[in-house]
C-alpha atoms as a PDB file:
ATOM      1  CA  UNK A   1     -14.384 -17.458  25.284  1.00  0.00           C
ATOM      2  CA  UNK A   2     -16.589 -15.419  22.899  1.00  0.00           C
ATOM      3  CA  UNK A   3     -15.252 -14.278  19.523  1.00  0.00           C
ATOM      4  CA  UNK A   4     -15.603 -10.606  20.490  1.00  0.00           C
ATOM      5  CA  UNK A   5     -13.629 -11.088  23.704  1.00  0.00           C
ATOM      6  CA  UNK A   6     -10.980 -13.153  21.902  1.00  0.00           C
ATOM      7  CA  UNK A   7     -10.622 -10.482  19.211  1.00  0.00           C
ATOM      8  CA  UNK A   8     -10.350  -7.743  21.865  1.00  0.00           C
ATOM      9  CA  UNK A   9      -7.571  -9.627  23.693  1.00  0.00           C
ATOM     10  CA  UNK A  10      -5.728 -10.250  20.412  1.00  0.00           C
ATOM     11  CA  UNK A  11      -5.923  -6.580  19.384  1.00  0.00           C
ATOM     12  CA  UNK A  12      -4.903  -5.418  22.867  1.00  0.00           C
ATOM     13  CA  UNK A  13      -1.897  -7.737  22.721  1.00  0.00           C
ATOM     14  CA  UNK A  14      -0.655  -6.446  19.369  1.00  0.00           C
ATOM     15  CA  UNK A  15      -1.322  -2.806  20.284  1.00  0.00           C
ATOM     16  CA  UNK A  16       0.570  -3.439  23.501  1.00  0.00           C
ATOM     17  CA  UNK A  17       3.583  -4.699  21.539  1.00  0.00           C
ATOM     18  CA  UNK A  18       3.520  -1.657  19.252  1.00  0.00           C
ATOM     19  CA  UNK A  19       3.218   0.841  22.096  1.00  0.00           C
ATOM     20  CA  UNK A  20       5.920  -1.012  24.047  1.00  0.00           C
ATOM     21  CA  UNK A  21       8.324  -0.735  21.098  1.00  0.00           C
ATOM     22  CA  UNK A  22       7.713   3.012  20.807  1.00  0.00           C
ATOM     23  CA  UNK A  23       7.977   3.494  24.584  1.00  0.00           C
ATOM     24  CA  UNK A  24      11.251   1.566  24.729  1.00  0.00           C
ATOM     25  CA  UNK A  25      12.764   3.660  21.928  1.00  0.00           C
ATOM     26  CA  UNK A  26      11.732   6.914  23.642  1.00  0.00           C
ATOM     27  CA  UNK A  27      13.124   5.635  26.947  1.00  0.00           C
ATOM     28  CA  UNK A  28      16.454   4.830  25.300  1.00  0.00           C
ATOM     29  CA  UNK A  29      16.597   8.214  23.588  1.00  0.00           C
ATOM     30  CA  UNK A  30      15.562  10.056  26.743  1.00  0.00           C
ATOM     31  CA  UNK A  31      12.005  10.784  27.802  1.00  0.00           C
ATOM     32  CA  UNK A  32      12.715  14.355  28.926  1.00  0.00           C
ATOM     33  CA  UNK A  33      14.748  15.133  25.796  1.00  0.00           C
ATOM     34  CA  UNK A  34      11.862  14.070  23.569  1.00  0.00           C
ATOM     35  CA  UNK A  35       9.343  15.863  25.810  1.00  0.00           C
ATOM     36  CA  UNK A  36      11.306  19.140  25.614  1.00  0.00           C
ATOM     37  CA  UNK A  37      11.322  18.979  21.820  1.00  0.00           C
ATOM     38  CA  UNK A  38       7.568  18.289  21.750  1.00  0.00           C
ATOM     39  CA  UNK A  39       6.949  21.144  24.190  1.00  0.00           C
ATOM     40  CA  UNK A  40       8.780  23.550  21.891  1.00  0.00           C
ATOM     41  CA  UNK A  41       6.563  22.691  18.900  1.00  0.00           C
ATOM     42  CA  UNK A  42       4.794  25.603  17.216  1.00  0.00           C
ATOM     43  CA  UNK A  43       1.081  24.868  17.604  1.00  0.00           C
ATOM     44  CA  UNK A  44       0.114  27.010  14.587  1.00  0.00           C
ATOM     45  CA  UNK A  45       2.443  25.082  12.280  1.00  0.00           C
ATOM     46  CA  UNK A  46       1.160  21.816  13.774  1.00  0.00           C
ATOM     47  CA  UNK A  47      -2.419  22.848  12.970  1.00  0.00           C
ATOM     48  CA  UNK A  48      -1.267  23.725   9.457  1.00  0.00           C
ATOM     49  CA  UNK A  49      -0.028  20.128   9.163  1.00  0.00           C
ATOM     50  CA  UNK A  50      -3.507  18.960  10.195  1.00  0.00           C
ATOM     51  CA  UNK A  51      -4.914  21.182   7.428  1.00  0.00           C
ATOM     52  CA  UNK A  52      -2.564  19.503   4.943  1.00  0.00           C
ATOM     53  CA  UNK A  53      -3.944  16.146   6.066  1.00  0.00           C
ATOM     54  CA  UNK A  54      -7.473  17.414   5.341  1.00  0.00           C
ATOM     55  CA  UNK A  55      -6.298  18.552   1.888  1.00  0.00           C
ATOM     56  CA  UNK A  56      -4.994  15.015   1.384  1.00  0.00           C
ATOM     57  CA  UNK A  57      -8.487  13.674   2.071  1.00  0.00           C
ATOM     58  CA  UNK A  58      -9.845  16.162  -0.467  1.00  0.00           C
ATOM     59  CA  UNK A  59      -7.334  15.032  -3.116  1.00  0.00           C
ATOM     60  CA  UNK A  60      -8.191  11.349  -2.579  1.00  0.00           C
ATOM     61  CA  UNK A  61     -11.913  12.140  -2.733  1.00  0.00           C
ATOM     62  CA  UNK A  62     -11.491  14.052  -5.999  1.00  0.00           C
ATOM     63  CA  UNK A  63      -9.541  11.148  -7.502  1.00  0.00           C
ATOM     64  CA  UNK A  64     -12.139   8.578  -6.417  1.00  0.00           C
ATOM     65  CA  UNK A  65     -15.011  10.652  -7.793  1.00  0.00           C
ATOM     66  CA  UNK A  66     -13.066  11.164 -11.020  1.00  0.00           C
ATOM     67  CA  UNK A  67     -12.641   7.385 -11.452  1.00  0.00           C
ATOM     68  CA  UNK A  68     -16.355   6.926 -10.799  1.00  0.00           C
ATOM     69  CA  UNK A  69     -17.060   9.658 -13.347  1.00  0.00           C
ATOM     70  CA  UNK A  70     -15.138   7.716 -16.004  1.00  0.00           C
ATOM     71  CA  UNK A  71     -17.735   4.976 -15.455  1.00  0.00           C
ATOM     72  CA  UNK A  72     -20.634   7.433 -15.609  1.00  0.00           C
ATOM     73  CA  UNK A  73     -21.290   7.621 -11.844  1.00  0.00           C
ATOM     74  CA  UNK A  74     -20.778  10.288  -9.198  1.00  0.00           C
ATOM     75  CA  UNK A  75     -20.889  10.228  -5.397  1.00  0.00           C
ATOM     76  CA  UNK A  76     -21.541  12.853  -2.731  1.00  0.00           C
ATOM     77  CA  UNK A  77     -18.354  14.486  -1.448  1.00  0.00           C
ATOM     78  CA  UNK A  78     -19.419  14.026   2.189  1.00  0.00           C
ATOM     79  CA  UNK A  79     -19.910  10.275   1.750  1.00  0.00           C
ATOM     80  CA  UNK A  80     -16.578   9.922  -0.036  1.00  0.00           C
ATOM     81  CA  UNK A  81     -14.712  11.676   2.795  1.00  0.00           C
ATOM     82  CA  UNK A  82     -16.505   9.510   5.377  1.00  0.00           C
ATOM     83  CA  UNK A  83     -15.620   6.358   3.433  1.00  0.00           C
ATOM     84  CA  UNK A  84     -11.977   7.385   3.023  1.00  0.00           C
ATOM     85  CA  UNK A  85     -11.524   8.176   6.734  1.00  0.00           C
ATOM     86  CA  UNK A  86     -13.289   4.899   7.546  1.00  0.00           C
ATOM     87  CA  UNK A  87     -10.840   3.148   5.228  1.00  0.00           C
ATOM     88  CA  UNK A  88      -7.856   4.748   6.948  1.00  0.00           C
ATOM     89  CA  UNK A  89      -9.256   3.654  10.301  1.00  0.00           C
ATOM     90  CA  UNK A  90      -9.492   0.053   9.041  1.00  0.00           C
ATOM     91  CA  UNK A  91      -5.921   0.259   7.719  1.00  0.00           C
ATOM     92  CA  UNK A  92      -4.785   1.465  11.149  1.00  0.00           C
ATOM     93  CA  UNK A  93      -6.325  -1.487  12.969  1.00  0.00           C
ATOM     94  CA  UNK A  94      -5.131  -4.168  10.526  1.00  0.00           C
ATOM     95  CA  UNK A  95      -1.565  -5.539  10.168  1.00  0.00           C
ATOM     96  CA  UNK A  96      -0.587  -3.109   7.411  1.00  0.00           C
ATOM     97  CA  UNK A  97      -0.431   0.637   6.937  1.00  0.00           C
ATOM     98  CA  UNK A  98      -1.969   0.891   3.492  1.00  0.00           C
ATOM     99  CA  UNK A  99      -4.313  -1.989   2.821  1.00  0.00           C
ATOM    100  CA  UNK A 100      -7.347  -3.953   3.947  1.00  0.00           C
ATOM    101  CA  UNK A 101     -10.096  -1.375   3.599  1.00  0.00           C
ATOM    102  CA  UNK A 102     -10.935  -1.679  -0.121  1.00  0.00           C
ATOM    103  CA  UNK A 103     -13.793  -4.250   0.151  1.00  0.00           C
ATOM    104  CA  UNK A 104     -15.439  -2.199   2.916  1.00  0.00           C
ATOM    105  CA  UNK A 105     -15.157   1.076   1.017  1.00  0.00           C
ATOM    106  CA  UNK A 106     -16.543  -0.509  -2.137  1.00  0.00           C
ATOM    107  CA  UNK A 107     -19.427  -2.185  -0.309  1.00  0.00           C
ATOM    108  CA  UNK A 108     -20.552   0.924   1.584  1.00  0.00           C
ATOM    109  CA  UNK A 109     -20.092   3.199  -1.455  1.00  0.00           C
ATOM    110  CA  UNK A 110     -22.516   0.982  -3.366  1.00  0.00           C
ATOM    111  CA  UNK A 111     -24.898   1.002  -0.416  1.00  0.00           C
ATOM    112  CA  UNK A 112     -24.836   4.763   0.152  1.00  0.00           C
ATOM    113  CA  UNK A 113     -24.686   6.012  -3.424  1.00  0.00           C
ATOM    114  CA  UNK A 114     -26.715   3.426  -5.391  1.00  0.00           C
ATOM    115  CA  UNK A 115     -23.662   2.461  -7.436  1.00  0.00           C
ATOM    116  CA  UNK A 116     -23.284  -1.116  -8.780  1.00  0.00           C
ATOM    117  CA  UNK A 117     -20.789  -3.076  -6.710  1.00  0.00           C
ATOM    118  CA  UNK A 118     -18.625  -4.053  -9.694  1.00  0.00           C
ATOM    119  CA  UNK A 119     -18.143  -0.352 -10.475  1.00  0.00           C
ATOM    120  CA  UNK A 120     -17.349   0.698  -6.898  1.00  0.00           C
ATOM    121  CA  UNK A 121     -14.973  -2.230  -6.368  1.00  0.00           C
ATOM    122  CA  UNK A 122     -13.158  -1.686  -9.665  1.00  0.00           C
ATOM    123  CA  UNK A 123     -12.508   1.966  -8.721  1.00  0.00           C
ATOM    124  CA  UNK A 124     -10.936   1.077  -5.342  1.00  0.00           C
ATOM    125  CA  UNK A 125      -8.796  -1.584  -7.043  1.00  0.00           C
ATOM    126  CA  UNK A 126      -7.646   0.982  -9.620  1.00  0.00           C
ATOM    127  CA  UNK A 127      -6.910   3.398  -6.747  1.00  0.00           C
ATOM    128  CA  UNK A 128      -4.768   0.770  -5.063  1.00  0.00           C
ATOM    129  CA  UNK A 129      -2.891   0.033  -8.285  1.00  0.00           C
ATOM    130  CA  UNK A 130      -2.266   3.742  -8.953  1.00  0.00           C
ATOM    131  CA  UNK A 131      -0.950   4.226  -5.411  1.00  0.00           C
ATOM    132  CA  UNK A 132       1.270   1.187  -5.801  1.00  0.00           C
ATOM    133  CA  UNK A 133       2.686   2.475  -9.096  1.00  0.00           C
ATOM    134  CA  UNK A 134       3.573   5.870  -7.579  1.00  0.00           C
ATOM    135  CA  UNK A 135       4.934   4.243  -4.423  1.00  0.00           C
ATOM    136  CA  UNK A 136       7.099   1.750  -6.327  1.00  0.00           C
ATOM    137  CA  UNK A 137       8.487   4.466  -8.604  1.00  0.00           C
ATOM    138  CA  UNK A 138       9.425   6.720  -5.695  1.00  0.00           C
ATOM    139  CA  UNK A 139      10.901   3.956  -3.542  1.00  0.00           C
ATOM    140  CA  UNK A 140      12.877   2.661  -6.538  1.00  0.00           C
ATOM    141  CA  UNK A 141      14.774   5.958  -6.703  1.00  0.00           C
ATOM    142  CA  UNK A 142      15.187   5.966  -2.915  1.00  0.00           C
ATOM    143  CA  UNK A 143      16.738   2.474  -3.005  1.00  0.00           C
ATOM    144  CA  UNK A 144      19.149   3.561  -5.757  1.00  0.00           C
ATOM    145  CA  UNK A 145      20.124   6.570  -3.616  1.00  0.00           C
ATOM    146  CA  UNK A 146      20.701   4.354  -0.553  1.00  0.00           C
ATOM    147  CA  UNK A 147      22.715   1.878  -2.634  1.00  0.00           C
ATOM    148  CA  UNK A 148      25.020   4.673  -3.805  1.00  0.00           C
ATOM    149  CA  UNK A 149      25.331   5.935  -0.207  1.00  0.00           C
ATOM    150  CA  UNK A 150      26.069   2.400   1.000  1.00  0.00           C
ATOM    151  CA  UNK A 151      23.303   2.274   3.607  1.00  0.00           C
ATOM    152  CA  UNK A 152      23.485  -0.900   5.700  1.00  0.00           C
ATOM    153  CA  UNK A 153      19.796  -1.918   5.441  1.00  0.00           C
ATOM    154  CA  UNK A 154      19.444  -1.416   1.674  1.00  0.00           C
ATOM    155  CA  UNK A 155      19.249  -5.183   1.070  1.00  0.00           C
ATOM    156  CA  UNK A 156      16.222  -5.450   3.362  1.00  0.00           C
ATOM    157  CA  UNK A 157      14.503  -2.554   1.571  1.00  0.00           C
ATOM    158  CA  UNK A 158      15.116  -4.216  -1.793  1.00  0.00           C
ATOM    159  CA  UNK A 159      13.484  -7.435  -0.543  1.00  0.00           C
ATOM    160  CA  UNK A 160      10.490  -5.459   0.775  1.00  0.00           C
ATOM    161  CA  UNK A 161      10.250  -3.569  -2.538  1.00  0.00           C
ATOM    162  CA  UNK A 162      10.247  -6.803  -4.539  1.00  0.00           C
ATOM    163  CA  UNK A 163       7.555  -8.201  -2.234  1.00  0.00           C
ATOM    164  CA  UNK A 164       5.352  -5.141  -2.869  1.00  0.00           C
ATOM    165  CA  UNK A 165       5.875  -5.614  -6.624  1.00  0.00           C
ATOM    166  CA  UNK A 166       4.723  -9.233  -6.352  1.00  0.00           C
ATOM    167  CA  UNK A 167       1.697  -8.212  -4.260  1.00  0.00           C
ATOM    168  CA  UNK A 168       0.735  -5.503  -6.769  1.00  0.00           C
ATOM    169  CA  UNK A 169       0.968  -7.811  -9.773  1.00  0.00           C
ATOM    170  CA  UNK A 170      -0.677 -10.545  -7.712  1.00  0.00           C
ATOM    171  CA  UNK A 171      -3.731  -8.342  -7.118  1.00  0.00           C
ATOM    172  CA  UNK A 172      -3.942  -7.590 -10.843  1.00  0.00           C
ATOM    173  CA  UNK A 173      -3.517 -11.266 -11.740  1.00  0.00           C
ATOM    174  CA  UNK A 174      -6.239 -12.353  -9.321  1.00  0.00           C
ATOM    175  CA  UNK A 175      -8.581  -9.596 -10.498  1.00  0.00           C
ATOM    176  CA  UNK A 176      -8.373 -10.725 -14.114  1.00  0.00           C
ATOM    177  CA  UNK A 177      -8.684 -14.508 -13.525  1.00  0.00           C
ATOM    178  CA  UNK A 178     -12.289 -15.440 -12.895  1.00  0.00           C
ATOM    179  CA  UNK A 179     -11.950 -18.703 -10.928  1.00  0.00           C
ATOM    180  CA  UNK A 180      -9.298 -17.417  -8.571  1.00  0.00           C
ATOM    181  CA  UNK A 181     -11.102 -14.096  -8.186  1.00  0.00           C
ATOM    182  CA  UNK A 182     -14.317 -15.970  -7.328  1.00  0.00           C
ATOM    183  CA  UNK A 183     -12.667 -17.970  -4.522  1.00  0.00           C
ATOM    184  CA  UNK A 184     -11.062 -14.906  -2.943  1.00  0.00           C
ATOM    185  CA  UNK A 185     -14.137 -12.720  -3.394  1.00  0.00           C
ATOM    186  CA  UNK A 186     -16.244 -15.396  -1.705  1.00  0.00           C
ATOM    187  CA  UNK A 187     -13.952 -15.286   1.331  1.00  0.00           C
ATOM    188  CA  UNK A 188     -14.045 -11.486   1.404  1.00  0.00           C
ATOM    189  CA  UNK A 189     -17.849 -11.583   1.091  1.00  0.00           C
ATOM    190  CA  UNK A 190     -18.054 -13.795   4.177  1.00  0.00           C
ATOM    191  CA  UNK A 191     -16.068 -11.186   6.131  1.00  0.00           C
ATOM    192  CA  UNK A 192     -18.130  -8.246   4.864  1.00  0.00           C
ATOM    193  CA  UNK A 193     -21.474 -10.002   5.500  1.00  0.00           C
ATOM    194  CA  UNK A 194     -20.584 -10.172   9.191  1.00  0.00           C
ATOM    195  CA  UNK A 195     -21.380  -6.444   9.240  1.00  0.00           C
ATOM    196  CA  UNK A 196     -24.766  -6.867   7.558  1.00  0.00           C
ATOM    197  CA  UNK A 197     -27.771  -9.194   7.536  1.00  0.00           C
ATOM    198  CA  UNK A 198     -27.288 -10.177   3.881  1.00  0.00           C
ATOM    199  CA  UNK A 199     -26.703 -13.777   2.794  1.00  0.00           C
ATOM    200  CA  UNK A 200     -24.064 -14.804   0.267  1.00  0.00           C
ATOM    201  CA  UNK A 201     -25.386 -15.404  -3.254  1.00  0.00           C
ATOM    202  CA  UNK A 202     -22.643 -17.262  -5.147  1.00  0.00           C
ATOM    203  CA  UNK A 203     -24.312 -16.796  -8.551  1.00  0.00           C
ATOM    204  CA  UNK A 204     -24.542 -13.063  -7.958  1.00  0.00           C
ATOM    205  CA  UNK A 205     -20.879 -12.964  -6.901  1.00  0.00           C
ATOM    206  CA  UNK A 206     -19.917 -14.818 -10.084  1.00  0.00           C
ATOM    207  CA  UNK A 207     -21.861 -12.319 -12.221  1.00  0.00           C
ATOM    208  CA  UNK A 208     -20.289  -9.444 -10.292  1.00  0.00           C
ATOM    209  CA  UNK A 209     -16.772 -10.701 -11.028  1.00  0.00           C
ATOM    210  CA  UNK A 210     -17.568 -10.879 -14.727  1.00  0.00           C
ATOM    211  CA  UNK A 211     -18.872  -7.295 -14.680  1.00  0.00           C
ATOM    212  CA  UNK A 212     -15.913  -6.217 -12.554  1.00  0.00           C
ATOM    213  CA  UNK A 213     -13.432  -7.587 -15.087  1.00  0.00           C
ATOM    214  CA  UNK A 214     -15.290  -5.780 -17.861  1.00  0.00           C
ATOM    215  CA  UNK A 215     -15.092  -2.590 -15.780  1.00  0.00           C
ATOM    216  CA  UNK A 216     -11.325  -3.060 -15.320  1.00  0.00           C
ATOM    217  CA  UNK A 217     -10.901  -3.428 -19.091  1.00  0.00           C
ATOM    218  CA  UNK A 218     -12.977  -0.265 -19.477  1.00  0.00           C
ATOM    219  CA  UNK A 219     -10.342   1.653 -17.457  1.00  0.00           C
ATOM    220  CA  UNK A 220      -7.601   0.181 -19.647  1.00  0.00           C
ATOM    221  CA  UNK A 221      -9.165   1.902 -22.661  1.00  0.00           C
ATOM    222  CA  UNK A 222      -9.325   5.304 -20.904  1.00  0.00           C
ATOM    223  CA  UNK A 223      -5.627   6.232 -21.113  1.00  0.00           C
ATOM    224  CA  UNK A 224      -6.141   9.980 -20.690  1.00  0.00           C
ATOM    225  CA  UNK A 225      -8.387   9.394 -17.678  1.00  0.00           C
ATOM    226  CA  UNK A 226      -5.813   7.072 -16.114  1.00  0.00           C
ATOM    227  CA  UNK A 227      -3.028   9.629 -16.629  1.00  0.00           C
ATOM    228  CA  UNK A 228      -5.167  12.278 -14.897  1.00  0.00           C
ATOM    229  CA  UNK A 229      -5.858   9.838 -12.051  1.00  0.00           C
ATOM    230  CA  UNK A 230      -2.135   9.121 -11.763  1.00  0.00           C
ATOM    231  CA  UNK A 231      -1.440  12.869 -11.475  1.00  0.00           C
ATOM    232  CA  UNK A 232      -4.021  13.127  -8.669  1.00  0.00           C
ATOM    233  CA  UNK A 233      -2.274  10.197  -6.966  1.00  0.00           C
ATOM    234  CA  UNK A 234       1.062  12.010  -7.168  1.00  0.00           C
ATOM    235  CA  UNK A 235      -0.545  15.130  -5.662  1.00  0.00           C
ATOM    236  CA  UNK A 236      -1.874  13.282  -2.607  1.00  0.00           C
ATOM    237  CA  UNK A 237       1.453  11.505  -2.093  1.00  0.00           C
ATOM    238  CA  UNK A 238       3.176  14.891  -2.220  1.00  0.00           C
ATOM    239  CA  UNK A 239       0.732  16.312   0.355  1.00  0.00           C
ATOM    240  CA  UNK A 240       1.280  13.307   2.625  1.00  0.00           C
ATOM    241  CA  UNK A 241       5.033  13.916   2.621  1.00  0.00           C
ATOM    242  CA  UNK A 242       4.555  17.688   2.945  1.00  0.00           C
ATOM    243  CA  UNK A 243       2.623  17.095   6.191  1.00  0.00           C
ATOM    244  CA  UNK A 244       5.634  15.408   7.787  1.00  0.00           C
ATOM    245  CA  UNK A 245       8.004  18.074   6.445  1.00  0.00           C
ATOM    246  CA  UNK A 246       5.780  20.722   8.046  1.00  0.00           C
ATOM    247  CA  UNK A 247       5.806  18.912  11.394  1.00  0.00           C
ATOM    248  CA  UNK A 248       9.601  19.052  11.505  1.00  0.00           C
ATOM    249  CA  UNK A 249       9.441  22.767  10.801  1.00  0.00           C
ATOM    250  CA  UNK A 250       7.145  22.980  13.843  1.00  0.00           C
ATOM    251  CA  UNK A 251       9.968  21.645  16.054  1.00  0.00           C
ATOM    252  CA  UNK A 252      12.639  23.873  14.460  1.00  0.00           C
ATOM    253  CA  UNK A 253      14.404  21.057  12.608  1.00  0.00           C
ATOM    254  CA  UNK A 254      15.964  21.843   9.257  1.00  0.00           C
ATOM    255  CA  UNK A 255      15.385  18.934   6.902  1.00  0.00           C
ATOM    256  CA  UNK A 256      15.411  18.945   3.135  1.00  0.00           C
ATOM    257  CA  UNK A 257      12.393  17.517   1.345  1.00  0.00           C
ATOM    258  CA  UNK A 258      14.398  14.598  -0.069  1.00  0.00           C
ATOM    259  CA  UNK A 259      15.348  13.443   3.443  1.00  0.00           C
ATOM    260  CA  UNK A 260      11.739  13.500   4.616  1.00  0.00           C
ATOM    261  CA  UNK A 261      10.537  11.774   1.432  1.00  0.00           C
ATOM    262  CA  UNK A 262      13.138   9.014   1.682  1.00  0.00           C
ATOM    263  CA  UNK A 263      12.407   8.366   5.356  1.00  0.00           C
ATOM    264  CA  UNK A 264       8.647   8.389   4.841  1.00  0.00           C
ATOM    265  CA  UNK A 265       8.800   5.989   1.890  1.00  0.00           C
ATOM    266  CA  UNK A 266      11.124   3.556   3.656  1.00  0.00           C
ATOM    267  CA  UNK A 267       8.864   3.595   6.738  1.00  0.00           C
ATOM    268  CA  UNK A 268       5.903   2.784   4.483  1.00  0.00           C
ATOM    269  CA  UNK A 269       7.908   0.052   2.803  1.00  0.00           C
ATOM    270  CA  UNK A 270       8.382  -1.509   6.245  1.00  0.00           C
ATOM    271  CA  UNK A 271       4.825  -0.696   7.329  1.00  0.00           C
ATOM    272  CA  UNK A 272       3.073  -2.355   4.382  1.00  0.00           C
ATOM    273  CA  UNK A 273       4.492  -5.715   5.423  1.00  0.00           C
ATOM    274  CA  UNK A 274       2.088  -7.686   7.666  1.00  0.00           C
ATOM    275  CA  UNK A 275       3.317  -6.837  11.160  1.00  0.00           C
ATOM    276  CA  UNK A 276       1.420  -4.890  13.818  1.00  0.00           C
ATOM    277  CA  UNK A 277      -1.828  -2.891  13.389  1.00  0.00           C
ATOM    278  CA  UNK A 278      -1.096   0.128  11.194  1.00  0.00           C
ATOM    279  CA  UNK A 279       2.616  -0.707  11.299  1.00  0.00           C
ATOM    280  CA  UNK A 280       2.578   0.570  14.891  1.00  0.00           C
ATOM    281  CA  UNK A 281       6.066   0.359  16.359  1.00  0.00           C
ATOM    282  CA  UNK A 282       7.768  -1.126  13.283  1.00  0.00           C
ATOM    283  CA  UNK A 283       7.382   1.845  10.926  1.00  0.00           C
ATOM    284  CA  UNK A 284       8.140   4.257  13.799  1.00  0.00           C
ATOM    285  CA  UNK A 285      11.416   2.442  14.484  1.00  0.00           C
ATOM    286  CA  UNK A 286      12.290   2.620  10.785  1.00  0.00           C
ATOM    287  CA  UNK A 287      11.561   6.361  10.649  1.00  0.00           C
ATOM    288  CA  UNK A 288      13.671   7.203  13.704  1.00  0.00           C
ATOM    289  CA  UNK A 289      16.536   5.030  12.435  1.00  0.00           C
ATOM    290  CA  UNK A 290      16.353   6.634   9.004  1.00  0.00           C
ATOM    291  CA  UNK A 291      16.407  10.180  10.396  1.00  0.00           C
ATOM    292  CA  UNK A 292      19.500   9.286  12.415  1.00  0.00           C
ATOM    293  CA  UNK A 293      21.109   8.111   9.150  1.00  0.00           C
ATOM    294  CA  UNK A 294      20.640  11.674   7.920  1.00  0.00           C
ATOM    295  CA  UNK A 295      22.298  12.991  11.109  1.00  0.00           C
ATOM    296  CA  UNK A 296      19.075  14.192  12.754  1.00  0.00           C
ATOM    297  CA  UNK A 297      19.281  14.101  16.587  1.00  0.00           C
ATOM    298  CA  UNK A 298      17.384  11.126  18.024  1.00  0.00           C
ATOM    299  CA  UNK A 299      15.229  13.368  20.239  1.00  0.00           C
ATOM    300  CA  UNK A 300      14.022  15.417  17.252  1.00  0.00           C
ATOM    301  CA  UNK A 301      13.582  12.313  15.088  1.00  0.00           C
ATOM    302  CA  UNK A 302      11.397  10.720  17.790  1.00  0.00           C
ATOM    303  CA  UNK A 303       9.438  13.947  18.410  1.00  0.00           C
ATOM    304  CA  UNK A 304       8.752  14.432  14.684  1.00  0.00           C
ATOM    305  CA  UNK A 305       7.641  10.809  14.361  1.00  0.00           C
ATOM    306  CA  UNK A 306       5.321  11.128  17.380  1.00  0.00           C
ATOM    307  CA  UNK A 307       3.777  14.326  16.014  1.00  0.00           C
ATOM    308  CA  UNK A 308       3.129  12.587  12.719  1.00  0.00           C
ATOM    309  CA  UNK A 309       1.599   9.598  14.505  1.00  0.00           C
ATOM    310  CA  UNK A 310      -0.686  11.946  16.449  1.00  0.00           C
ATOM    311  CA  UNK A 311      -2.240  12.908  13.099  1.00  0.00           C
ATOM    312  CA  UNK A 312      -1.787   9.844  10.878  1.00  0.00           C
ATOM    313  CA  UNK A 313      -2.697   7.320  13.589  1.00  0.00           C
ATOM    314  CA  UNK A 314      -4.440   8.753  16.659  1.00  0.00           C
ATOM    315  CA  UNK A 315      -6.447  11.511  14.918  1.00  0.00           C
ATOM    316  CA  UNK A 316      -7.253   9.315  11.906  1.00  0.00           C
ATOM    317  CA  UNK A 317      -8.275   6.352  14.070  1.00  0.00           C
ATOM    318  CA  UNK A 318     -10.635   8.463  16.214  1.00  0.00           C
ATOM    319  CA  UNK A 319     -12.205  10.301  13.263  1.00  0.00           C
ATOM    320  CA  UNK A 320     -12.314   7.124  11.151  1.00  0.00           C
ATOM    321  CA  UNK A 321     -14.040   5.085  13.848  1.00  0.00           C
ATOM    322  CA  UNK A 322     -16.711   7.785  14.131  1.00  0.00           C
ATOM    323  CA  UNK A 323     -17.030   7.825  10.331  1.00  0.00           C
ATOM    324  CA  UNK A 324     -17.460   4.028  10.358  1.00  0.00           C
ATOM    325  CA  UNK A 325     -20.356   4.304  12.823  1.00  0.00           C
ATOM    326  CA  UNK A 326     -21.997   7.063  10.776  1.00  0.00           C
ATOM    327  CA  UNK A 327     -21.646   5.023   7.579  1.00  0.00           C
ATOM    328  CA  UNK A 328     -23.142   1.876   9.122  1.00  0.00           C
ATOM    329  CA  UNK A 329     -26.051   3.907  10.482  1.00  0.00           C
ATOM    330  CA  UNK A 330     -26.666   5.620   7.136  1.00  0.00           C
ATOM    331  CA  UNK A 331     -26.421   2.339   5.212  1.00  0.00           C
ATOM    332  CA  UNK A 332     -29.067   0.736   7.454  1.00  0.00           C
ATOM    333  CA  UNK A 333     -31.470   3.528   6.523  1.00  0.00           C
ATOM    334  CA  UNK A 334     -30.913   2.911   2.810  1.00  0.00           C
ATOM    335  CA  UNK A 335     -33.469   0.729   1.070  1.00  0.00           C
ATOM    336  CA  UNK A 336     -31.267   0.291  -1.974  1.00  0.00           C
ATOM    337  CA  UNK A 337     -30.319  -3.267  -2.857  1.00  0.00           C
ATOM    338  CA  UNK A 338     -26.739  -3.381  -4.069  1.00  0.00           C
ATOM    339  CA  UNK A 339     -26.635  -4.049  -7.804  1.00  0.00           C
ATOM    340  CA  UNK A 340     -23.823  -6.414  -8.664  1.00  0.00           C
END
């Protein structure tokens, strides 16, 4: 069996599990009940939620360009948006909701914008760390709230939170230790080179890691710039939650912002664990269960979750896959050799 066919069967299997989980939940809730709620959705408000998603892309692009600017580089807004949507597509087809795309984004940014790889990679690592800091802060308060309320699954959320903390500090530890960083980068390079005709140059990788670590220390000295970047991170997190809040307004469901925030963050906490592609099925189950904890009818909880998935998964996956093709085509036409 060829590798492509084997990969297709594997992906189809995991997608099948995710879709089956969602289908089973909707069946248990009541297909017609969920359908009636979806049918009643205000299309104008739904489109406004799509607009909020586009504003989220804008906020992430501004933050990325700002981090590049701290290093003395700038990228075209169009390429940044393409790279971000490509990254979200990769996250949706890998066993996590918020990770896996960084090496690809860094590689193609360098290719498209003539930016040294150590600079582009350091910016996506900083992005990931900033997102993790905001996420951990927000979920920390959510866990305290659930502990006070005596929610039954709080222990599981605490374990997941601790795991994310270890992963975050693990990334930072690996990034700043040359030998370990070299081994992992070499493995990542082997994956990335499958999408290009380039051969692996271990000496160049070693030099890149050294420059990368110097770039990371450069960010450490730019405290004001990092605070501004953190504020931009908070803005895009707020917009991401606002999108879901808007979708519930579209189906005439009165939810306070805290309820939506708590549910969203817990679903992400479940979704970042290696499970199914994009957390498909697992995070959806968590969201519906969490909404029921806040006394939201199951039919409306499922409908709101499906509407969100139509944007954050289906729409993003379609647009991101197209963006990936455009990026690969544009990168082939570039004569620029990536400077490490």
